[in-house]
C-alpha atoms as a PDB file:
ATOM      1  CA  MET A   1      83.718  17.451  -0.124  1.00  0.00           C
ATOM      2  CA  ALA A   2      81.613  14.309  -1.826  1.00  0.00           C
ATOM      3  CA  ARG A   3      77.925  13.953  -1.589  1.00  0.00           C
ATOM      4  CA  PRO A   4      77.530  10.722   0.344  1.00  0.00           C
ATOM      5  CA  SER A   5      75.296   8.274  -1.177  1.00  0.00           C
ATOM      6  CA  ALA A   6      71.875   7.739  -0.616  1.00  0.00           C
ATOM      7  CA  ALA A   7      72.524   3.749  -1.345  1.00  0.00           C
ATOM      8  CA  PRO A   8      73.332   3.057   2.451  1.00  0.00           C
ATOM      9  CA  LEU A   9      70.454   4.979   4.105  1.00  0.00           C
ATOM     10  CA  ALA A  10      67.775   2.534   1.218  1.00  0.00           C
ATOM     11  CA  ALA A  11      69.541  -0.648   2.898  1.00  0.00           C
ATOM     12  CA  ALA A  12      69.113  -0.013   6.286  1.00  0.00           C
ATOM     13  CA  ALA A  13      65.411   0.966   5.206  1.00  0.00           C
ATOM     14  CA  LEU A  14      65.361  -1.866   3.481  1.00  0.00           C
ATOM     15  CA  VAL A  15      66.449  -3.623   6.747  1.00  0.00           C
ATOM     16  CA  ALA A  16      64.317  -2.364   9.051  1.00  0.00           C
ATOM     17  CA  SER A  17      61.640  -3.150   7.378  1.00  0.00           C
ATOM     18  CA  LEU A  18      62.171  -6.684   6.891  1.00  0.00           C
ATOM     19  CA  VAL A  19      63.140  -6.766  10.388  1.00  0.00           C
ATOM     20  CA  VAL A  20      59.486  -5.012  11.228  1.00  0.00           C
ATOM     21  CA  LEU A  21      57.788  -7.877   9.338  1.00  0.00           C
ATOM     22  CA  ALA A  22      59.467 -10.564  10.752  1.00  0.00           C
ATOM     23  CA  LEU A  23      58.485  -9.532  14.782  1.00  0.00           C
ATOM     24  CA  PRO A  24      55.506 -11.890  15.607  1.00  0.00           C
ATOM     25  CA  ALA A  25      51.757 -10.175  15.747  1.00  0.00           C
ATOM     26  CA  THR A  26      51.195  -8.392  18.872  1.00  0.00           C
ATOM     27  CA  ALA A  27      48.427  -9.113  20.770  1.00  0.00           C
ATOM     28  CA  TRP A  28      44.904  -8.403  20.381  1.00  0.00           C
ATOM     29  CA  SER A  29      43.596  -5.556  22.563  1.00  0.00           C
ATOM     30  CA  GLU A  30      39.787  -4.321  22.899  1.00  0.00           C
ATOM     31  CA  ALA A  31      39.930  -1.671  20.955  1.00  0.00           C
ATOM     32  CA  ASP A  32      40.829  -4.269  17.676  1.00  0.00           C
ATOM     33  CA  ALA A  33      37.763  -5.669  18.033  1.00  0.00           C
ATOM     34  CA  PRO A  34      35.451  -3.188  15.327  1.00  0.00           C
ATOM     35  CA  LYS A  35      38.198  -4.106  12.575  1.00  0.00           C
ATOM     36  CA  MET A  36      37.292  -8.116  13.267  1.00  0.00           C
ATOM     37  CA  ASP A  37      33.949  -8.096  12.589  1.00  0.00           C
ATOM     38  CA  GLY A  38      31.945  -5.403  11.211  1.00  0.00           C
ATOM     39  CA  ARG A  39      28.745  -6.128  13.845  1.00  0.00           C
ATOM     40  CA  VAL A  40      30.928  -4.796  16.782  1.00  0.00           C
ATOM     41  CA  LEU A  41      31.659  -1.014  18.011  1.00  0.00           C
ATOM     42  CA  SER A  42      33.241  -1.759  20.622  1.00  0.00           C
ATOM     43  CA  ALA A  43      34.573  -3.990  23.477  1.00  0.00           C
ATOM     44  CA  TRP A  44      36.082  -2.723  27.076  1.00  0.00           C
ATOM     45  CA  HIS A  45      36.800  -3.860  30.281  1.00  0.00           C
ATOM     46  CA  ASP A  46      36.477  -1.440  33.511  1.00  0.00           C
ATOM     47  CA  PRO A  47      38.235  -0.891  35.565  1.00  0.00           C
ATOM     48  CA  GLN A  48      40.858   0.150  33.377  1.00  0.00           C
ATOM     49  CA  VAL A  49      43.784  -1.309  35.458  1.00  0.00           C
ATOM     50  CA  PRO A  50      41.687  -4.544  37.176  1.00  0.00           C
ATOM     51  CA  GLN A  51      43.443  -4.953  40.894  1.00  0.00           C
ATOM     52  CA  ALA A  52      43.754  -9.163  41.096  1.00  0.00           C
ATOM     53  CA  ASP A  53      41.588  -9.205  44.633  1.00  0.00           C
ATOM     54  CA  ALA A  54      38.596  -6.922  43.220  1.00  0.00           C
ATOM     55  CA  PRO A  55      36.349  -7.630  40.552  1.00  0.00           C
ATOM     56  CA  TRP A  56      36.137  -6.350  36.928  1.00  0.00           C
ATOM     57  CA  HIS A  57      33.854  -6.312  34.124  1.00  0.00           C
ATOM     58  CA  ALA A  58      34.600  -7.131  30.594  1.00  0.00           C
ATOM     59  CA  PHE A  59      31.568  -5.349  27.719  1.00  0.00           C
ATOM     60  CA  LEU A  60      30.862  -5.895  24.284  1.00  0.00           C
ATOM     61  CA  GLN A  61      28.757  -3.712  22.188  1.00  0.00           C
ATOM     62  CA  LEU A  62      27.413  -4.794  19.100  1.00  0.00           C
ATOM     63  CA  LYS A  63      26.180  -2.199  16.635  1.00  0.00           C
ATOM     64  CA  PRO A  64      22.035  -2.514  16.730  1.00  0.00           C
ATOM     65  CA  GLU A  65      21.270  -3.523  13.431  1.00  0.00           C
ATOM     66  CA  SER A  66      23.715  -6.849  13.765  1.00  0.00           C
ATOM     67  CA  ASN A  67      21.768  -9.982  13.897  1.00  0.00           C
ATOM     68  CA  VAL A  68      23.610 -10.662  16.508  1.00  0.00           C
ATOM     69  CA  THR A  69      21.026 -12.442  18.907  1.00  0.00           C
ATOM     70  CA  GLY A  70      23.411 -13.726  21.936  1.00  0.00           C
ATOM     71  CA  VAL A  71      26.802 -13.589  22.963  1.00  0.00           C
ATOM     72  CA  LEU A  72      29.049 -16.265  25.098  1.00  0.00           C
ATOM     73  CA  PHE A  73      32.230 -15.261  26.437  1.00  0.00           C
ATOM     74  CA  GLN A  74      35.082 -17.410  27.969  1.00  0.00           C
ATOM     75  CA  VAL A  75      38.146 -15.840  29.906  1.00  0.00           C
ATOM     76  CA  CYS A  76      42.101 -17.490  30.039  1.00  0.00           C
ATOM     77  CA  ARG A  77      45.350 -16.917  31.514  1.00  0.00           C
ATOM     78  CA  VAL A  78      47.001 -16.423  28.086  1.00  0.00           C
ATOM     79  CA  GLY A  79      49.720 -19.029  27.393  1.00  0.00           C
ATOM     80  CA  LYS A  80      48.193 -20.840  30.366  1.00  0.00           C
ATOM     81  CA  ALA A  81      44.633 -22.426  30.888  1.00  0.00           C
ATOM     82  CA  CYS A  82      41.192 -21.169  30.606  1.00  0.00           C
ATOM     83  CA  PHE A  83      39.124 -20.894  33.536  1.00  0.00           C
ATOM     84  CA  GLY A  84      35.834 -22.595  32.065  1.00  0.00           C
ATOM     85  CA  PRO A  85      34.115 -23.520  29.327  1.00  0.00           C
ATOM     86  CA  PRO A  86      32.154 -20.599  26.916  1.00  0.00           C
ATOM     87  CA  ALA A  87      29.317 -18.733  29.442  1.00  0.00           C
ATOM     88  CA  ALA A  88      26.319 -16.887  27.945  1.00  0.00           C
ATOM     89  CA  ALA A  89      27.067 -12.948  28.736  1.00  0.00           C
ATOM     90  CA  GLU A  90      24.264 -10.770  30.314  1.00  0.00           C
ATOM     91  CA  ASP A  91      22.694  -8.991  27.535  1.00  0.00           C
ATOM     92  CA  MET A  92      22.966  -5.318  29.367  1.00  0.00           C
ATOM     93  CA  GLY A  93      20.643  -3.773  27.074  1.00  0.00           C
ATOM     94  CA  ASN A  94      21.702  -1.103  24.078  1.00  0.00           C
ATOM     95  CA  ALA A  95      22.952  -4.025  22.460  1.00  0.00           C
ATOM     96  CA  THR A  96      25.545  -4.494  24.702  1.00  0.00           C
ATOM     97  CA  PHE A  97      26.910  -7.975  26.245  1.00  0.00           C
ATOM     98  CA  GLY A  98      29.330  -8.232  29.366  1.00  0.00           C
ATOM     99  CA  PHE A  99      30.212 -10.496  32.531  1.00  0.00           C
ATOM    100  CA  ALA A 100      31.721 -10.163  35.549  1.00  0.00           C
ATOM    101  CA  SER A 101      34.794 -11.359  36.548  1.00  0.00           C
ATOM    102  CA  SER A 102      33.512 -13.484  39.537  1.00  0.00           C
ATOM    103  CA  LEU A 103      31.866 -15.639  36.693  1.00  0.00           C
ATOM    104  CA  ALA A 104      35.285 -16.329  34.758  1.00  0.00           C
ATOM    105  CA  GLY A 105      35.093 -19.936  36.091  1.00  0.00           C
ATOM    106  CA  GLY A 106      31.632 -20.977  35.804  1.00  0.00           C
ATOM    107  CA  SER A 107      30.652 -22.853  38.751  1.00  0.00           C
ATOM    108  CA  SER A 108      34.325 -22.487  40.269  1.00  0.00           C
ATOM    109  CA  PRO A 109      35.743 -19.084  41.464  1.00  0.00           C
ATOM    110  CA  VAL A 110      39.169 -17.904  39.590  1.00  0.00           C
ATOM    111  CA  ASP A 111      41.583 -16.291  42.416  1.00  0.00           C
ATOM    112  CA  PHE A 112      43.354 -14.207  39.668  1.00  0.00           C
ATOM    113  CA  ALA A 113      46.723 -12.901  40.866  1.00  0.00           C
ATOM    114  CA  PRO A 114      48.649 -10.250  40.243  1.00  0.00           C
ATOM    115  CA  GLY A 115      49.891  -9.497  36.718  1.00  0.00           C
ATOM    116  CA  TRP A 116      48.354 -11.965  34.656  1.00  0.00           C
ATOM    117  CA  HIS A 117      48.319 -11.505  31.085  1.00  0.00           C
ATOM    118  CA  ILE A 118      44.654 -12.151  30.305  1.00  0.00           C
ATOM    119  CA  GLY A 119      42.314 -13.110  27.442  1.00  0.00           C
ATOM    120  CA  ILE A 120      38.675 -13.109  26.422  1.00  0.00           C
ATOM    121  CA  LYS A 121      37.317 -14.768  23.296  1.00  0.00           C
ATOM    122  CA  TRP A 122      34.025 -13.700  22.806  1.00  0.00           C
ATOM    123  CA  TYR A 123      31.314 -15.956  20.468  1.00  0.00           C
ATOM    124  CA  LEU A 124      28.777 -14.102  18.484  1.00  0.00           C
ATOM    125  CA  ARG A 125      25.808 -16.527  17.667  1.00  0.00           C
ATOM    126  CA  ASP A 126      23.404 -14.645  14.947  1.00  0.00           C
ATOM    127  CA  ALA A 127      19.924 -15.239  14.024  1.00  0.00           C
ATOM    128  CA  ASN A 128      20.656 -18.766  12.031  1.00  0.00           C
ATOM    129  CA  GLY A 129      22.362 -20.369  15.549  1.00  0.00           C
ATOM    130  CA  THR A 130      26.048 -19.695  13.733  1.00  0.00           C
ATOM    131  CA  LEU A 131      28.547 -18.933  16.472  1.00  0.00           C
ATOM    132  CA  THR A 132      31.579 -16.240  15.240  1.00  0.00           C
ATOM    133  CA  GLU A 133      34.538 -16.402  17.243  1.00  0.00           C
ATOM    134  CA  LEU A 134      36.224 -13.035  18.108  1.00  0.00           C
ATOM    135  CA  PRO A 135      38.988 -12.527  17.390  1.00  0.00           C
ATOM    136  CA  PRO A 136      38.856 -15.199  14.664  1.00  0.00           C
ATOM    137  CA  SER A 137      40.757 -18.168  15.339  1.00  0.00           C
ATOM    138  CA  PRO A 138      44.328 -17.839  14.176  1.00  0.00           C
ATOM    139  CA  GLU A 139      45.331 -21.393  13.200  1.00  0.00           C
ATOM    140  CA  GLY A 140      47.270 -21.191  10.077  1.00  0.00           C
ATOM    141  CA  MET A 141      48.494 -17.702  10.735  1.00  0.00           C
ATOM    142  CA  PRO A 142      52.321 -17.078  10.525  1.00  0.00           C
ATOM    143  CA  GLU A 143      52.337 -16.777  13.937  1.00  0.00           C
ATOM    144  CA  CYS A 144      50.875 -20.023  14.929  1.00  0.00           C
ATOM    145  CA  VAL A 145      53.514 -22.590  13.430  1.00  0.00           C
ATOM    146  CA  ASP A 146      54.338 -23.070  16.617  1.00  0.00           C
ATOM    147  CA  PRO A 147      50.930 -23.750  18.360  1.00  0.00           C
ATOM    148  CA  ALA A 148      52.342 -23.252  21.949  1.00  0.00           C
ATOM    149  CA  ALA A 149      54.314 -19.921  20.946  1.00  0.00           C
ATOM    150  CA  LEU A 150      52.660 -16.986  23.049  1.00  0.00           C
ATOM    151  CA  ALA A 151      52.222 -15.000  20.194  1.00  0.00           C
ATOM    152  CA  CYS A 152      50.310 -17.666  19.104  1.00  0.00           C
ATOM    153  CA  GLN A 153      48.229 -17.735  22.123  1.00  0.00           C
ATOM    154  CA  GLU A 154      47.823 -14.014  22.102  1.00  0.00           C
ATOM    155  CA  ALA A 155      46.321 -14.402  18.842  1.00  0.00           C
ATOM    156  CA  HIS A 156      43.527 -16.173  20.466  1.00  0.00           C
ATOM    157  CA  TYR A 157      42.206 -13.559  22.399  1.00  0.00           C
ATOM    158  CA  LEU A 158      41.216  -9.452  22.927  1.00  0.00           C
ATOM    159  CA  THR A 159      44.097  -9.226  25.670  1.00  0.00           C
ATOM    160  CA  PHE A 160      44.445  -6.668  29.139  1.00  0.00           C
ATOM    161  CA  ASP A 161      46.830  -6.840  32.096  1.00  0.00           C
ATOM    162  CA  LEU A 162      45.829  -7.246  35.826  1.00  0.00           C
ATOM    163  CA  ALA A 163      47.780  -4.376  37.562  1.00  0.00           C
ATOM    164  CA  PRO A 164      50.821  -5.971  39.098  1.00  0.00           C
ATOM    165  CA  ALA A 165      51.632  -6.617  42.706  1.00  0.00           C
ATOM    166  CA  THR A 166      52.163  -3.695  45.003  1.00  0.00           C
ATOM    167  CA  PRO A 167      54.921  -3.998  47.680  1.00  0.00           C
ATOM    168  CA  SER A 168      53.024  -4.245  50.779  1.00  0.00           C
ATOM    169  CA  PRO A 169      54.254  -1.835  53.909  1.00  0.00           C
ATOM    170  CA  ALA A 170      56.272  -2.764  56.337  1.00  0.00           C
ATOM    171  CA  PRO A 171      54.746  -4.325  59.265  1.00  0.00           C
ATOM    172  CA  PRO A 172      54.226  -1.819  62.778  1.00  0.00           C
ATOM    173  CA  ALA A 173      56.392  -4.104  64.920  1.00  0.00           C
ATOM    174  CA  LEU A 174      59.257  -4.022  62.177  1.00  0.00           C
ATOM    175  CA  VAL A 175      59.188  -0.132  61.691  1.00  0.00           C
ATOM    176  CA  PHE A 176      59.180   0.117  65.971  1.00  0.00           C
ATOM    177  CA  GLY A 177      62.297  -1.846  65.991  1.00  0.00           C
ATOM    178  CA  VAL A 178      64.111  -0.129  63.352  1.00  0.00           C
ATOM    179  CA  ALA A 179      63.617   2.791  65.075  1.00  0.00           C
ATOM    180  CA  LEU A 180      64.750   1.564  68.787  1.00  0.00           C
ATOM    181  CA  LEU A 181      67.884   0.047  66.883  1.00  0.00           C
ATOM    182  CA  ALA A 182      68.531   3.860  65.319  1.00  0.00           C
ATOM    183  CA  LEU A 183      67.892   5.333  68.812  1.00  0.00           C
ATOM    184  CA  ALA A 184      70.445   2.951  70.610  1.00  0.00           C
ATOM    185  CA  ALA A 185      73.153   3.732  68.010  1.00  0.00           C
ATOM    186  CA  TRP A 186      72.906   7.530  68.517  1.00  0.00           C
ATOM    187  CA  ARG A 187      72.673   7.427  71.899  1.00  0.00           C
ATOM    188  CA  ARG A 188      75.744   5.460  71.786  1.00  0.00           C
ATOM    189  CA  HIS A 189      77.580   7.358  69.357  1.00  0.00           C
ATOM    190  CA  GLY A 190      75.789  10.566  70.246  1.00  0.00           C
END
């Protein structure tokens, strides 16, 4: 039996690698924050899967030796709109800054909806007053050839999703009505 040629496998590997390279960049997760700026230790939100109708908080922890003197934040629904201009994050101590979801719209409350794709842009102010965006602005990156494309919109933020809607239980009157119908059918055929 002849040994199969390696050429088809090599060709398949080449095609697969080209397909991977052609895929758009994925959204930035909060775990990517330290890779974007060496002054950042971590970024996270709490709870891990926020409910739309419950408060949540977001945090950015910096290295203690960083030259950051203040942090701003901006919250957006990715691909749709931002809820307000950048606002000052609270200095929580221990080189950590944060904010509550109730502050996402500045002076206007935000009525978050289940399943929304949320993006947070942080702005780090150094001792000289210079603001650095986190994540950095993606203009000029391949995924931003079309600034309206979702991949470009996601590249502007650290993103996470609010919990999807949960089905509501049937109203008691409906349950009672179905039970009566079942009983009536049982009696008729029983």
